C-alpha atoms as a PDB file:
ATOM      1  CA  MET A   1      49.453  29.104   5.109  1.00  0.00           C
ATOM      2  CA  ILE A   2      52.577  27.213   4.074  1.00  0.00           C
ATOM      3  CA  LEU A   3      52.370  24.138   1.844  1.00  0.00           C
ATOM      4  CA  LEU A   4      55.250  21.773   1.128  1.00  0.00           C
ATOM      5  CA  TRP A   5      55.359  19.114  -1.560  1.00  0.00           C
ATOM      6  CA  LEU A   6      57.851  17.145  -3.621  1.00  0.00           C
ATOM      7  CA  SER A   7      57.925  18.798  -7.011  1.00  0.00           C
ATOM      8  CA  LYS A   8      59.987  16.125  -8.779  1.00  0.00           C
ATOM      9  CA  GLY A   9      62.020  13.003  -8.137  1.00  0.00           C
ATOM     10  CA  SER A  10      65.723  12.644  -7.538  1.00  0.00           C
ATOM     11  CA  ASN A  11      68.362  13.017 -10.191  1.00  0.00           C
ATOM     12  CA  ASP A  12      68.328   9.289 -10.984  1.00  0.00           C
ATOM     13  CA  VAL A  13      67.769   8.671 -14.681  1.00  0.00           C
ATOM     14  CA  GLU A  14      65.164   5.997 -13.885  1.00  0.00           C
ATOM     15  CA  GLN A  15      62.873   8.557 -12.246  1.00  0.00           C
ATOM     16  CA  VAL A  16      60.729  10.959 -14.222  1.00  0.00           C
ATOM     17  CA  ASP A  17      60.245  14.570 -13.247  1.00  0.00           C
ATOM     18  CA  ASP A  18      56.771  15.170 -11.897  1.00  0.00           C
ATOM     19  CA  ILE A  19      55.391  18.185 -10.096  1.00  0.00           C
ATOM     20  CA  ASP A  20      52.815  15.990  -8.417  1.00  0.00           C
ATOM     21  CA  ASN A  21      54.990  13.352  -6.731  1.00  0.00           C
ATOM     22  CA  PRO A  22      53.850  12.314  -3.253  1.00  0.00           C
ATOM     23  CA  LEU A  23      55.891  13.254  -0.195  1.00  0.00           C
ATOM     24  CA  PRO A  24      57.799  10.487   1.635  1.00  0.00           C
ATOM     25  CA  ASN A  25      54.819  10.022   3.964  1.00  0.00           C
ATOM     26  CA  GLY A  26      52.605   9.290   0.952  1.00  0.00           C
ATOM     27  CA  GLU A  27      50.663  12.560   1.068  1.00  0.00           C
ATOM     28  CA  LYS A  28      50.434  14.922  -1.884  1.00  0.00           C
ATOM     29  CA  ALA A  29      51.195  17.980   0.266  1.00  0.00           C
ATOM     30  CA  PHE A  30      51.917  18.912   3.850  1.00  0.00           C
ATOM     31  CA  GLU A  31      50.755  22.045   5.641  1.00  0.00           C
ATOM     32  CA  GLY A  32      53.085  23.454   8.270  1.00  0.00           C
ATOM     33  CA  PHE A  33      56.291  25.364   8.866  1.00  0.00           C
ATOM     34  CA  SER A  34      58.556  22.298   8.718  1.00  0.00           C
ATOM     35  CA  ILE A  35      58.594  18.606   7.847  1.00  0.00           C
ATOM     36  CA  THR A  36      60.682  15.814   9.385  1.00  0.00           C
ATOM     37  CA  LEU A  37      61.861  12.912   7.244  1.00  0.00           C
ATOM     38  CA  ASP A  38      62.605   9.696   9.135  1.00  0.00           C
ATOM     39  CA  LYS A  39      64.973   6.967   7.971  1.00  0.00           C
ATOM     40  CA  VAL A  40      66.094   8.935   4.953  1.00  0.00           C
ATOM     41  CA  ASP A  41      67.395   6.960   1.963  1.00  0.00           C
ATOM     42  CA  ARG A  42      68.031   7.720  -1.686  1.00  0.00           C
ATOM     43  CA  HIS A  43      64.328   7.596  -2.502  1.00  0.00           C
ATOM     44  CA  GLN A  44      63.716  10.753  -0.473  1.00  0.00           C
ATOM     45  CA  ALA A  45      66.201  12.769  -2.523  1.00  0.00           C
ATOM     46  CA  GLY A  46      64.804  15.391  -4.889  1.00  0.00           C
ATOM     47  CA  VAL A  47      63.463  18.909  -5.120  1.00  0.00           C
ATOM     48  CA  TYR A  48      60.976  19.941  -2.436  1.00  0.00           C
ATOM     49  CA  GLN A  49      58.806  22.944  -3.171  1.00  0.00           C
ATOM     50  CA  CYS A  50      57.556  25.218  -0.403  1.00  0.00           C
ATOM     51  CA  THR A  51      54.732  27.667  -1.077  1.00  0.00           C
ATOM     52  CA  ALA A  52      53.651  30.405   1.368  1.00  0.00           C
ATOM     53  CA  SER A  53      50.435  32.380   1.110  1.00  0.00           C
ATOM     54  CA  ASN A  54      48.540  34.696   3.444  1.00  0.00           C
ATOM     55  CA  GLY A  55      45.759  35.568   1.045  1.00  0.00           C
ATOM     56  CA  VAL A  56      47.330  38.877   0.106  1.00  0.00           C
ATOM     57  CA  GLY A  57      49.024  38.989  -3.271  1.00  0.00           C
ATOM     58  CA  ASP A  58      50.460  36.018  -5.111  1.00  0.00           C
ATOM     59  CA  PRO A  59      51.866  33.016  -3.226  1.00  0.00           C
ATOM     60  CA  VAL A  60      55.646  32.823  -2.879  1.00  0.00           C
ATOM     61  CA  THR A  61      57.333  29.547  -3.865  1.00  0.00           C
ATOM     62  CA  VAL A  62      60.848  28.327  -3.081  1.00  0.00           C
ATOM     63  CA  ASP A  63      62.523  25.135  -4.346  1.00  0.00           C
ATOM     64  CA  MET A  64      64.810  23.201  -1.990  1.00  0.00           C
ATOM     65  CA  GLN A  65      67.122  20.460  -3.260  1.00  0.00           C
ATOM     66  CA  LEU A  66      67.619  17.525  -0.881  1.00  0.00           C
ATOM     67  CA  ASP A  67      70.708  15.455  -1.644  1.00  0.00           C
ATOM     68  CA  VAL A  68      71.087  12.142   0.199  1.00  0.00           C
ATOM     69  CA  LEU A  69      74.618  10.769   0.428  1.00  0.00           C
ATOM     70  CA  TYR A  70      74.857   6.968   0.494  1.00  0.00           C
ATOM     71  CA  ALA A  71      77.206   4.140  -0.403  1.00  0.00           C
ATOM     72  CA  PRO A  72      76.748   2.468  -3.795  1.00  0.00           C
ATOM     73  CA  GLU A  73      73.932  -0.040  -4.222  1.00  0.00           C
ATOM     74  CA  ILE A  74      74.264  -2.621  -7.016  1.00  0.00           C
ATOM     75  CA  SER A  75      71.822  -5.020  -8.637  1.00  0.00           C
ATOM     76  CA  VAL A  76      72.456  -7.251 -11.666  1.00  0.00           C
ATOM     77  CA  ASP A  77      70.036  -8.098 -14.463  1.00  0.00           C
ATOM     78  CA  ARG A  78      71.224 -11.726 -14.542  1.00  0.00           C
ATOM     79  CA  SER A  79      73.663 -13.376 -12.179  1.00  0.00           C
ATOM     80  CA  THR A  80      74.440 -16.022 -14.829  1.00  0.00           C
ATOM     81  CA  VAL A  81      74.762 -15.202 -18.537  1.00  0.00           C
ATOM     82  CA  HIS A  82      74.749 -18.126 -20.983  1.00  0.00           C
ATOM     83  CA  THR A  83      76.462 -17.759 -24.341  1.00  0.00           C
ATOM     84  CA  GLY A  84      78.769 -19.608 -26.723  1.00  0.00           C
ATOM     85  CA  GLU A  85      82.024 -19.155 -28.569  1.00  0.00           C
ATOM     86  CA  GLY A  86      81.585 -16.818 -31.519  1.00  0.00           C
ATOM     87  CA  SER A  87      78.422 -15.304 -30.056  1.00  0.00           C
ATOM     88  CA  SER A  88      78.017 -12.108 -28.042  1.00  0.00           C
ATOM     89  CA  ALA A  89      77.179 -11.473 -24.401  1.00  0.00           C
ATOM     90  CA  GLN A  90      75.966  -8.533 -22.343  1.00  0.00           C
ATOM     91  CA  LEU A  91      76.653  -8.072 -18.639  1.00  0.00           C
ATOM     92  CA  VAL A  92      74.574  -5.400 -16.878  1.00  0.00           C
ATOM     93  CA  CYS A  93      74.878  -3.832 -13.426  1.00  0.00           C
ATOM     94  CA  THR A  94      72.437  -1.192 -12.165  1.00  0.00           C
ATOM     95  CA  ILE A  95      74.212   1.111  -9.717  1.00  0.00           C
ATOM     96  CA  HIS A  96      72.940   3.901  -7.484  1.00  0.00           C
ATOM     97  CA  GLY A  97      75.163   6.057  -5.310  1.00  0.00           C
ATOM     98  CA  GLU A  98      75.701   9.628  -4.144  1.00  0.00           C
ATOM     99  CA  PRO A  99      78.278  11.018  -4.745  1.00  0.00           C
ATOM    100  CA  LEU A 100      78.450   9.403  -8.180  1.00  0.00           C
ATOM    101  CA  PRO A 101      80.459   6.175  -7.806  1.00  0.00           C
ATOM    102  CA  GLN A 102      83.547   5.151  -9.716  1.00  0.00           C
ATOM    103  CA  VAL A 103      82.838   1.816 -11.405  1.00  0.00           C
ATOM    104  CA  THR A 104      85.419  -0.856 -12.243  1.00  0.00           C
ATOM    105  CA  TRP A 105      84.853  -4.184 -13.984  1.00  0.00           C
ATOM    106  CA  TYR A 106      86.822  -7.310 -13.077  1.00  0.00           C
ATOM    107  CA  GLN A 107      87.274 -10.772 -14.546  1.00  0.00           C
ATOM    108  CA  ASP A 108      88.164 -12.937 -11.582  1.00  0.00           C
ATOM    109  CA  SER A 109      90.498 -10.564  -9.686  1.00  0.00           C
ATOM    110  CA  PHE A 110      91.883  -8.727 -12.728  1.00  0.00           C
ATOM    111  CA  PRO A 111      90.566  -5.226 -13.599  1.00  0.00           C
ATOM    112  CA  LEU A 112      89.270  -4.840 -17.129  1.00  0.00           C
ATOM    113  CA  GLU A 113      89.450  -2.007 -19.613  1.00  0.00           C
ATOM    114  CA  GLY A 114      87.479  -1.503 -22.794  1.00  0.00           C
ATOM    115  CA  THR A 115      88.769  -2.956 -26.066  1.00  0.00           C
ATOM    116  CA  ASP A 116      87.429  -3.321 -29.605  1.00  0.00           C
ATOM    117  CA  ARG A 117      85.908  -6.657 -28.567  1.00  0.00           C
ATOM    118  CA  ARG A 118      85.000  -5.708 -24.997  1.00  0.00           C
ATOM    119  CA  ILE A 119      82.907  -2.535 -24.957  1.00  0.00           C
ATOM    120  CA  ILE A 120      82.258  -0.907 -21.572  1.00  0.00           C
ATOM    121  CA  GLU A 121      79.734   1.918 -21.307  1.00  0.00           C
ATOM    122  CA  ALA A 122      77.397   3.682 -18.894  1.00  0.00           C
ATOM    123  CA  ARG A 123      73.751   4.394 -19.647  1.00  0.00           C
ATOM    124  CA  GLY A 124      72.512   6.463 -16.757  1.00  0.00           C
ATOM    125  CA  ASN A 125      72.474   4.112 -13.768  1.00  0.00           C
ATOM    126  CA  LYS A 126      73.109   1.057 -15.951  1.00  0.00           C
ATOM    127  CA  TYR A 127      76.706  -0.001 -16.465  1.00  0.00           C
ATOM    128  CA  VAL A 128      77.079  -2.400 -19.386  1.00  0.00           C
ATOM    129  CA  MET A 129      79.836  -4.625 -20.712  1.00  0.00           C
ATOM    130  CA  ASN A 130      79.271  -6.005 -24.206  1.00  0.00           C
ATOM    131  CA  ILE A 131      81.575  -8.851 -25.259  1.00  0.00           C
ATOM    132  CA  ILE A 132      81.692  -9.458 -29.008  1.00  0.00           C
ATOM    133  CA  ASN A 133      82.808 -12.731 -30.610  1.00  0.00           C
ATOM    134  CA  VAL A 134      83.109 -14.568 -27.299  1.00  0.00           C
ATOM    135  CA  ARG A 135      86.153 -16.809 -26.812  1.00  0.00           C
ATOM    136  CA  SER A 136      86.623 -19.638 -24.342  1.00  0.00           C
ATOM    137  CA  SER A 137      88.995 -17.391 -22.367  1.00  0.00           C
ATOM    138  CA  ASP A 138      86.078 -14.998 -21.774  1.00  0.00           C
ATOM    139  CA  PHE A 139      84.168 -17.527 -19.698  1.00  0.00           C
ATOM    140  CA  GLY A 140      84.473 -17.057 -15.959  1.00  0.00           C
ATOM    141  CA  ASN A 141      83.404 -14.870 -13.060  1.00  0.00           C
ATOM    142  CA  TYR A 142      82.954 -11.139 -13.580  1.00  0.00           C
ATOM    143  CA  SER A 143      82.199  -8.439 -11.066  1.00  0.00           C
ATOM    144  CA  CYS A 144      81.298  -4.757 -11.153  1.00  0.00           C
ATOM    145  CA  GLN A 145      82.637  -2.730  -8.227  1.00  0.00           C
ATOM    146  CA  ALA A 146      81.331   0.720  -7.375  1.00  0.00           C
ATOM    147  CA  GLU A 147      83.022   3.061  -4.900  1.00  0.00           C
ATOM    148  CA  ASN A 148      82.428   6.588  -3.641  1.00  0.00           C
ATOM    149  CA  THR A 149      83.447   8.567  -0.553  1.00  0.00           C
ATOM    150  CA  ILE A 150      80.746   6.847   1.538  1.00  0.00           C
ATOM    151  CA  GLY A 151      81.658   3.249   0.765  1.00  0.00           C
ATOM    152  CA  LYS A 152      81.893   0.589  -1.926  1.00  0.00           C
ATOM    153  CA  SER A 153      79.977  -2.438  -3.144  1.00  0.00           C
ATOM    154  CA  LYS A 154      80.511  -5.327  -5.567  1.00  0.00           C
ATOM    155  CA  SER A 155      78.212  -7.737  -7.401  1.00  0.00           C
ATOM    156  CA  HIS A 156      79.134 -10.832  -9.392  1.00  0.00           C
ATOM    157  CA  ILE A 157      78.070 -12.222 -12.770  1.00  0.00           C
ATOM    158  CA  GLU A 158      79.091 -15.567 -14.257  1.00  0.00           C
ATOM    159  CA  LEU A 159      79.627 -15.826 -18.011  1.00  0.00           C
ATOM    160  CA  THR A 160      79.354 -19.463 -19.057  1.00  0.00           C
ATOM    161  CA  GLY A 161      79.014 -21.717 -22.067  1.00  0.00           C
ATOM    162  CA  ARG A 162      77.020 -24.311 -20.109  1.00  0.00           C
ATOM    163  CA  PRO A 163      73.335 -24.837 -20.988  1.00  0.00           C
ATOM    164  CA  ALA A 164      70.670 -22.735 -19.319  1.00  0.00           C
ATOM    165  CA  PRO A 165      68.312 -24.571 -16.925  1.00  0.00           C
ATOM    166  CA  ALA A 166      65.520 -26.502 -18.595  1.00  0.00           C
ATOM    167  CA  LYS A 167      62.078 -24.890 -18.843  1.00  0.00           C
ATOM    168  CA  PHE A 168      59.005 -27.119 -18.986  1.00  0.00           C
ATOM    169  CA  ARG A 169      56.252 -26.687 -21.554  1.00  0.00           C
ATOM    170  CA  SER A 170      53.998 -29.657 -20.828  1.00  0.00           C
ATOM    171  CA  PRO A 171      50.458 -29.283 -19.449  1.00  0.00           C
ATOM    172  CA  THR A 172      50.286 -30.225 -15.776  1.00  0.00           C
ATOM    173  CA  THR A 173      47.714 -32.977 -16.378  1.00  0.00           C
ATOM    174  CA  SER A 174      48.406 -36.021 -18.523  1.00  0.00           C
ATOM    175  CA  ARG A 175      45.993 -37.331 -21.128  1.00  0.00           C
ATOM    176  CA  SER A 176      46.773 -40.855 -20.008  1.00  0.00           C
ATOM    177  CA  MET A 177      46.293 -42.854 -16.819  1.00  0.00           C
ATOM    178  CA  ASP A 178      49.717 -44.506 -16.949  1.00  0.00           C
ATOM    179  CA  SER A 179      52.010 -42.259 -18.995  1.00  0.00           C
ATOM    180  CA  TYR A 180      52.954 -38.602 -19.401  1.00  0.00           C
ATOM    181  CA  ASN A 181      54.550 -36.823 -22.356  1.00  0.00           C
ATOM    182  CA  LEU A 182      57.081 -34.446 -20.793  1.00  0.00           C
ATOM    183  CA  THR A 183      58.219 -31.567 -23.002  1.00  0.00           C
ATOM    184  CA  TRP A 184      60.947 -29.081 -22.170  1.00  0.00           C
ATOM    185  CA  VAL A 185      63.224 -26.462 -23.720  1.00  0.00           C
ATOM    186  CA  ILE A 186      66.935 -25.926 -23.086  1.00  0.00           C
ATOM    187  CA  GLU A 187      68.945 -22.961 -24.332  1.00  0.00           C
ATOM    188  CA  SER A 188      72.462 -24.078 -25.262  1.00  0.00           C
ATOM    189  CA  PHE A 189      74.872 -22.579 -27.770  1.00  0.00           C
ATOM    190  CA  SER A 190      76.664 -25.942 -28.010  1.00  0.00           C
ATOM    191  CA  HIS A 191      75.401 -29.426 -28.799  1.00  0.00           C
ATOM    192  CA  LEU A 192      73.817 -31.172 -25.816  1.00  0.00           C
ATOM    193  CA  GLU A 193      75.803 -34.283 -25.021  1.00  0.00           C
ATOM    194  CA  GLU A 194      73.587 -35.697 -22.292  1.00  0.00           C
ATOM    195  CA  VAL A 195      70.293 -35.011 -20.554  1.00  0.00           C
ATOM    196  CA  ARG A 196      69.432 -36.500 -17.164  1.00  0.00           C
ATOM    197  CA  LEU A 197      65.792 -36.760 -16.132  1.00  0.00           C
ATOM    198  CA  LEU A 198      64.711 -37.734 -12.605  1.00  0.00           C
ATOM    199  CA  TYR A 199      61.092 -38.264 -11.605  1.00  0.00           C
ATOM    200  CA  ARG A 200      59.239 -39.703  -8.623  1.00  0.00           C
ATOM    201  CA  LYS A 201      55.730 -40.167  -7.321  1.00  0.00           C
ATOM    202  CA  LEU A 202      54.534 -37.972  -4.451  1.00  0.00           C
ATOM    203  CA  GLN A 203      52.758 -39.675  -1.577  1.00  0.00           C
ATOM    204  CA  LEU A 204      49.946 -37.531  -0.162  1.00  0.00           C
ATOM    205  CA  ASN A 205      48.661 -38.284   3.336  1.00  0.00           C
ATOM    206  CA  ASP A 206      47.452 -36.487   6.456  1.00  0.00           C
ATOM    207  CA  SER A 207      50.532 -37.010   8.619  1.00  0.00           C
ATOM    208  CA  ASN A 208      53.009 -35.936   5.932  1.00  0.00           C
ATOM    209  CA  PRO A 209      51.247 -33.951   3.187  1.00  0.00           C
ATOM    210  CA  ILE A 210      54.066 -34.403   0.648  1.00  0.00           C
ATOM    211  CA  GLN A 211      56.441 -37.324   0.791  1.00  0.00           C
ATOM    212  CA  GLY A 212      58.347 -38.471  -2.264  1.00  0.00           C
ATOM    213  CA  SER A 213      59.023 -42.053  -3.232  1.00  0.00           C
ATOM    214  CA  GLN A 214      62.272 -43.240  -4.798  1.00  0.00           C
ATOM    215  CA  TRP A 215      63.642 -41.248  -7.726  1.00  0.00           C
ATOM    216  CA  HIS A 216      63.698 -42.859 -11.165  1.00  0.00           C
ATOM    217  CA  ASP A 217      66.822 -41.853 -13.096  1.00  0.00           C
ATOM    218  CA  VAL A 218      66.699 -41.658 -16.901  1.00  0.00           C
ATOM    219  CA  VAL A 219      69.811 -40.780 -18.919  1.00  0.00           C
ATOM    220  CA  LEU A 220      69.377 -39.567 -22.511  1.00  0.00           C
ATOM    221  CA  HIS A 221      72.290 -39.268 -24.933  1.00  0.00           C
ATOM    222  CA  SER A 222      71.434 -37.093 -27.878  1.00  0.00           C
ATOM    223  CA  THR A 223      72.426 -36.652 -31.471  1.00  0.00           C
ATOM    224  CA  PRO A 224      72.217 -33.039 -32.773  1.00  0.00           C
ATOM    225  CA  ALA A 225      68.637 -32.082 -31.940  1.00  0.00           C
ATOM    226  CA  PHE A 226      66.024 -30.138 -33.842  1.00  0.00           C
ATOM    227  CA  GLY A 227      64.970 -26.904 -32.163  1.00  0.00           C
ATOM    228  CA  GLU A 228      63.334 -23.533 -32.648  1.00  0.00           C
ATOM    229  CA  SER A 229      66.724 -21.967 -33.358  1.00  0.00           C
ATOM    230  CA  LYS A 230      70.380 -22.906 -33.322  1.00  0.00           C
ATOM    231  CA  THR A 231      70.425 -22.403 -29.561  1.00  0.00           C
ATOM    232  CA  THR A 232      66.934 -23.564 -28.551  1.00  0.00           C
ATOM    233  CA  HIS A 233      66.609 -27.314 -28.020  1.00  0.00           C
ATOM    234  CA  VAL A 234      63.015 -28.578 -27.797  1.00  0.00           C
ATOM    235  CA  MET A 235      62.784 -32.073 -26.349  1.00  0.00           C
ATOM    236  CA  SER A 236      60.119 -34.555 -25.344  1.00  0.00           C
ATOM    237  CA  TYR A 237      60.095 -37.873 -23.497  1.00  0.00           C
ATOM    238  CA  ASN A 238      57.143 -40.139 -22.771  1.00  0.00           C
ATOM    239  CA  ILE A 239      57.331 -41.401 -19.172  1.00  0.00           C
ATOM    240  CA  ARG A 240      55.544 -44.751 -19.019  1.00  0.00           C
ATOM    241  CA  GLY A 241      54.503 -47.122 -16.265  1.00  0.00           C
ATOM    242  CA  LEU A 242      52.876 -44.453 -14.080  1.00  0.00           C
ATOM    243  CA  GLU A 243      49.983 -44.950 -11.677  1.00  0.00           C
ATOM    244  CA  PRO A 244      46.522 -43.486 -12.356  1.00  0.00           C
ATOM    245  CA  SER A 245      45.324 -40.400 -10.473  1.00  0.00           C
ATOM    246  CA  SER A 246      48.786 -39.720  -9.043  1.00  0.00           C
ATOM    247  CA  VAL A 247      51.032 -36.684  -8.659  1.00  0.00           C
ATOM    248  CA  TYR A 248      54.646 -36.828  -9.823  1.00  0.00           C
ATOM    249  CA  GLU A 249      57.536 -34.391  -9.774  1.00  0.00           C
ATOM    250  CA  VAL A 250      60.456 -34.173 -12.174  1.00  0.00           C
ATOM    251  CA  ILE A 251      63.782 -32.351 -12.528  1.00  0.00           C
ATOM    252  CA  ILE A 252      66.128 -32.147 -15.514  1.00  0.00           C
ATOM    253  CA  GLN A 253      69.818 -31.425 -15.896  1.00  0.00           C
ATOM    254  CA  ALA A 254      71.732 -31.136 -19.179  1.00  0.00           C
ATOM    255  CA  LYS A 255      75.375 -31.223 -20.235  1.00  0.00           C
ATOM    256  CA  ASN A 256      77.332 -29.824 -23.164  1.00  0.00           C
ATOM    257  CA  LYS A 257      81.087 -29.652 -23.727  1.00  0.00           C
ATOM    258  CA  TYR A 258      81.406 -26.936 -21.052  1.00  0.00           C
ATOM    259  CA  GLY A 259      79.768 -29.023 -18.336  1.00  0.00           C
ATOM    260  CA  TRP A 260      76.455 -29.581 -16.547  1.00  0.00           C
ATOM    261  CA  ASN A 261      73.933 -26.787 -16.124  1.00  0.00           C
ATOM    262  CA  GLU A 262      72.006 -25.940 -12.984  1.00  0.00           C
ATOM    263  CA  VAL A 263      69.252 -28.375 -12.058  1.00  0.00           C
ATOM    264  CA  SER A 264      65.847 -27.195 -13.257  1.00  0.00           C
ATOM    265  CA  ASP A 265      63.087 -26.143 -10.906  1.00  0.00           C
ATOM    266  CA  LEU A 266      60.896 -28.972  -9.632  1.00  0.00           C
ATOM    267  CA  TYR A 267      57.955 -29.519 -11.982  1.00  0.00           C
ATOM    268  CA  GLN A 268      54.801 -31.366 -10.925  1.00  0.00           C
ATOM    269  CA  PHE A 269      52.280 -33.175 -13.102  1.00  0.00           C
ATOM    270  CA  ARG A 270      49.470 -35.657 -12.525  1.00  0.00           C
ATOM    271  CA  THR A 271      47.905 -38.582 -14.296  1.00  0.00           C
ATOM    272  CA  HIS A 272      44.124 -38.926 -14.422  1.00  0.00           C
ATOM    273  CA  SER A 273      41.840 -41.761 -13.381  1.00  0.00           C
ATOM    274  CA  SER A 274      39.467 -43.701 -15.600  1.00  0.00           C
ATOM    275  CA  ASN A 275      36.363 -41.942 -14.271  1.00  0.00           C
ATOM    276  CA  GLU A 276      37.688 -38.404 -14.865  1.00  0.00           C
ATOM    277  CA  ILE A 277      36.556 -36.400 -17.888  1.00  0.00           C
ATOM    278  CA  PHE A 278      38.755 -33.526 -19.041  1.00  0.00           C
ATOM    279  CA  GLU A 279      38.446 -30.811 -21.633  1.00  0.00           C
ATOM    280  CA  PHE A 280      42.010 -31.078 -22.921  1.00  0.00           C
ATOM    281  CA  ASN A 281      43.700 -28.104 -24.492  1.00  0.00           C
ATOM    282  CA  GLU A 282      46.909 -30.103 -24.778  1.00  0.00           C
ATOM    283  CA  PRO A 283      47.961 -30.554 -28.428  1.00  0.00           C
ATOM    284  CA  ASP A 284      48.623 -34.013 -29.727  1.00  0.00           C
ATOM    285  CA  MET A 285      52.284 -34.140 -28.629  1.00  0.00           C
ATOM    286  CA  LYS A 286      53.585 -37.494 -29.781  1.00  0.00           C
ATOM    287  CA  ASP A 287      56.566 -39.109 -28.141  1.00  0.00           C
ATOM    288  CA  LEU A 288      59.631 -38.014 -30.083  1.00  0.00           C
ATOM    289  CA  GLU A 289      60.844 -41.626 -29.907  1.00  0.00           C
ATOM    290  CA  LEU A 290      63.659 -40.777 -27.550  1.00  0.00           C
ATOM    291  CA  THR A 291      64.821 -44.135 -26.252  1.00  0.00           C
ATOM    292  CA  ALA A 292      66.174 -44.116 -22.724  1.00  0.00           C
ATOM    293  CA  GLY A 293      67.155 -46.379 -19.882  1.00  0.00           C
ATOM    294  CA  HIS A 294      67.974 -46.168 -16.206  1.00  0.00           C
ATOM    295  CA  ALA A 295      71.435 -44.968 -15.286  1.00  0.00           C
ATOM    296  CA  SER A 296      72.524 -48.513 -14.403  1.00  0.00           C
ATOM    297  CA  GLN A 297      71.748 -49.790 -17.887  1.00  0.00           C
ATOM    298  CA  SER A 298      73.949 -49.587 -20.961  1.00  0.00           C
ATOM    299  CA  ARG A 299      74.418 -46.394 -22.951  1.00  0.00           C
ATOM    300  CA  VAL A 300      71.261 -45.321 -24.761  1.00  0.00           C
ATOM    301  CA  GLN A 301      70.925 -43.151 -27.826  1.00  0.00           C
ATOM    302  CA  PHE A 302      68.274 -40.639 -28.882  1.00  0.00           C
ATOM    303  CA  ALA A 303      66.360 -41.700 -31.993  1.00  0.00           C
ATOM    304  CA  THR A 304      64.658 -38.491 -33.072  1.00  0.00           C
ATOM    305  CA  CYS A 305      61.949 -38.814 -35.680  1.00  0.00           C
ATOM    306  CA  LEU A 306      62.207 -35.468 -37.456  1.00  0.00           C
ATOM    307  CA  GLY A 307      58.927 -35.760 -39.317  1.00  0.00           C
ATOM    308  CA  LEU A 308      56.883 -36.320 -36.154  1.00  0.00           C
ATOM    309  CA  LEU A 309      58.814 -33.566 -34.410  1.00  0.00           C
ATOM    310  CA  LEU A 310      58.012 -30.958 -37.049  1.00  0.00           C
ATOM    311  CA  ILE A 311      54.305 -31.787 -36.938  1.00  0.00           C
ATOM    312  CA  SER A 312      53.972 -31.966 -33.155  1.00  0.00           C
ATOM    313  CA  LEU A 313      56.130 -28.907 -32.499  1.00  0.00           C
ATOM    314  CA  SER A 314      54.178 -26.792 -34.975  1.00  0.00           C
ATOM    315  CA  THR A 315      50.897 -27.835 -33.354  1.00  0.00           C
ATOM    316  CA  TYR A 316      52.243 -27.217 -29.856  1.00  0.00           C
ATOM    317  CA  LEU A 317      53.580 -23.733 -30.597  1.00  0.00           C
ATOM    318  CA  ARG A 318      50.317 -22.697 -32.222  1.00  0.00           C
ATOM    319  CA  TYR A 319      48.364 -23.452 -29.029  1.00  0.00           C
ATOM    320  CA  ASN A 320      50.879 -22.718 -26.297  1.00  0.00           C
ATOM    321  CA  VAL A 321      53.223 -19.899 -27.334  1.00  0.00           C
END
């Protein structure tokens, strides 16, 4: 009898040696004089162990190393890295390839080398660039290129000082029939100069399950805002004049001195009707007294009531974070 099994994974640092790894077909072991591997890729690489026994004496075992040659494959932890001047940033590419690829970093089309402020290192399959004390000249498009004798590949990362996209924290159901207190968080290393909020009611019917009405455009101009940290801006705005028992969707975009960020994901919420009874877990989030107007109106300023903000934010974080 001859048994064949995969005794351990490939040489990738991410994989852990294991004498009980399954074979590529998912089985723990295979009985026979040979095994055929179809559509071989890097995941099939490793040490295969063959054991022969005829019931006389001890079994004989032989290890066979299978190396799979393939062009580099690259993935990035984050395609956009947000930071600010004076802060630090880390760009990470995860690269697989056999033979071991040669890796080069670029800013735009210029190759980069390590410096005291720009530290380039490899940690197994992870190739990392740490930028210390970021300057405005560091912002831009970066790429990591990997090349071996089979081929080459490149992936891109943007380093920017713009705000990160807004993330919503509000419950999806309002406590009111005609208003909704929208709360969101924006990561920005620089002061937010302007926040644009667009919302609209969704029309639900049989012929067209989701059809949006006209967008309402609200422009908020902020003074330096209170947040959870120097870079975390917690904001709230009470949308009034809504219809009971209706579904709305909202998007947010923010701007600092480096420009506008990416538009947030669509976020949906609903108002309730007078005959609905809810067990609300929503904390008492008061409107932060942000005054706003439609884009066609005159310039509007934030009026942030710090006392109310401290109370409502503390209550909110206790129940929702």
